[in-house]
C-alpha atoms as a PDB file:
ATOM      1  CA  UNK A   1     -28.180 -96.792  18.060  1.00  0.00           C
ATOM      2  CA  UNK A   2     -26.553-100.216  17.170  1.00  0.00           C
ATOM      3  CA  UNK A   3     -24.142 -98.462  14.867  1.00  0.00           C
ATOM      4  CA  UNK A   4     -23.026 -96.213  17.643  1.00  0.00           C
ATOM      5  CA  UNK A   5     -22.102 -99.094  19.779  1.00  0.00           C
ATOM      6  CA  UNK A   6     -20.291-100.922  16.906  1.00  0.00           C
ATOM      7  CA  UNK A   7     -18.172 -97.768  16.318  1.00  0.00           C
ATOM      8  CA  UNK A   8     -17.206 -97.620  19.987  1.00  0.00           C
ATOM      9  CA  UNK A   9     -16.351-101.370  19.997  1.00  0.00           C
ATOM     10  CA  UNK A  10     -14.078-100.926  16.901  1.00  0.00           C
ATOM     11  CA  UNK A  11     -12.513 -97.872  18.597  1.00  0.00           C
ATOM     12  CA  UNK A  12     -11.826 -99.863  21.547  1.00  0.00           C
ATOM     13  CA  UNK A  13     -10.458-102.652  19.682  1.00  0.00           C
ATOM     14  CA  UNK A  14      -8.101-100.414  17.815  1.00  0.00           C
ATOM     15  CA  UNK A  15      -6.887 -98.789  21.038  1.00  0.00           C
ATOM     16  CA  UNK A  16      -6.201-102.191  22.504  1.00  0.00           C
ATOM     17  CA  UNK A  17      -4.392-103.409  19.448  1.00  0.00           C
ATOM     18  CA  UNK A  18      -2.138-100.308  19.440  1.00  0.00           C
ATOM     19  CA  UNK A  19      -1.357-100.922  23.092  1.00  0.00           C
ATOM     20  CA  UNK A  20      -0.198-104.452  22.741  1.00  0.00           C
ATOM     21  CA  UNK A  21       1.354-104.480  19.323  1.00  0.00           C
ATOM     22  CA  UNK A  22       4.484-102.292  19.788  1.00  0.00           C
ATOM     23  CA  UNK A  23       6.055-104.808  22.265  1.00  0.00           C
ATOM     24  CA  UNK A  24       5.701-107.520  19.767  1.00  0.00           C
ATOM     25  CA  UNK A  25       7.186-105.491  16.953  1.00  0.00           C
ATOM     26  CA  UNK A  26      10.128-104.371  19.249  1.00  0.00           C
ATOM     27  CA  UNK A  27      10.965-107.998  20.197  1.00  0.00           C
ATOM     28  CA  UNK A  28      10.885-109.094  16.433  1.00  0.00           C
ATOM     29  CA  UNK A  29      13.201-106.126  15.422  1.00  0.00           C
ATOM     30  CA  UNK A  30      15.511-106.992  18.244  1.00  0.00           C
ATOM     31  CA  UNK A  31      15.707-110.651  17.305  1.00  0.00           C
ATOM     32  CA  UNK A  32      16.301-109.831  13.677  1.00  0.00           C
ATOM     33  CA  UNK A  33      19.109-107.387  14.615  1.00  0.00           C
ATOM     34  CA  UNK A  34      20.862-109.913  16.861  1.00  0.00           C
ATOM     35  CA  UNK A  35      20.546-112.574  14.148  1.00  0.00           C
ATOM     36  CA  UNK A  36      22.154-110.148  11.595  1.00  0.00           C
ATOM     37  CA  UNK A  37      25.014-109.366  13.982  1.00  0.00           C
ATOM     38  CA  UNK A  38      25.581-113.138  14.595  1.00  0.00           C
ATOM     39  CA  UNK A  39      25.867-113.712  10.823  1.00  0.00           C
ATOM     40  CA  UNK A  40      28.275-110.809  10.495  1.00  0.00           C
ATOM     41  CA  UNK A  41      30.348-112.271  13.289  1.00  0.00           C
ATOM     42  CA  UNK A  42      30.419-115.668  11.580  1.00  0.00           C
ATOM     43  CA  UNK A  43      31.541-114.190   8.344  1.00  0.00           C
ATOM     44  CA  UNK A  44      34.404-112.007  10.068  1.00  0.00           C
ATOM     45  CA  UNK A  45      35.786-114.448  12.608  1.00  0.00           C
ATOM     46  CA  UNK A  46      37.728-117.497  11.799  1.00  0.00           C
ATOM     47  CA  UNK A  47      37.195-119.169  15.272  1.00  0.00           C
ATOM     48  CA  UNK A  48      33.426-118.665  15.533  1.00  0.00           C
ATOM     49  CA  UNK A  49      31.485-119.735  18.626  1.00  0.00           C
ATOM     50  CA  UNK A  50      27.772-119.037  18.404  1.00  0.00           C
ATOM     51  CA  UNK A  51      27.048-118.626  21.963  1.00  0.00           C
ATOM     52  CA  UNK A  52      29.807-116.120  22.438  1.00  0.00           C
ATOM     53  CA  UNK A  53      28.863-114.248  19.293  1.00  0.00           C
ATOM     54  CA  UNK A  54      25.195-114.153  20.439  1.00  0.00           C
ATOM     55  CA  UNK A  55      26.177-112.750  23.968  1.00  0.00           C
ATOM     56  CA  UNK A  56      28.564-110.245  22.355  1.00  0.00           C
ATOM     57  CA  UNK A  57      25.756-108.991  19.962  1.00  0.00           C
ATOM     58  CA  UNK A  58      23.175-108.689  22.703  1.00  0.00           C
ATOM     59  CA  UNK A  59      25.589-106.675  24.868  1.00  0.00           C
ATOM     60  CA  UNK A  60      26.519-104.372  21.942  1.00  0.00           C
ATOM     61  CA  UNK A  61      22.897-103.763  20.777  1.00  0.00           C
ATOM     62  CA  UNK A  62      21.836-103.036  24.374  1.00  0.00           C
ATOM     63  CA  UNK A  63      24.570-100.592  24.785  1.00  0.00           C
ATOM     64  CA  UNK A  64      23.441 -98.867  21.580  1.00  0.00           C
ATOM     65  CA  UNK A  65      19.707 -99.032  22.530  1.00  0.00           C
ATOM     66  CA  UNK A  66      20.448 -97.156  25.844  1.00  0.00           C
ATOM     67  CA  UNK A  67      22.210 -94.159  24.049  1.00  0.00           C
END
C-alpha cells in the first residue's frame, strides 16, 4: 500500500515538473539567442551601441517567433 502512494507521489511530481519546466527553458533559449544576436551585431557594425543592438535583436527575434 505504501509503494502505491509513493508511485502516485512520484507521478504527480513528474507532472508538476513538466508543467513548470518549459517556461524556464524557453526563457533561457530566448536570452541566449538575443545574446548571440548582439555579439553578431557587435562584430558587423562599426558604430556599436549595445542598447540599440539589444532592442533590434529582440524585435527581430519576436518577429521570427510569431511566424
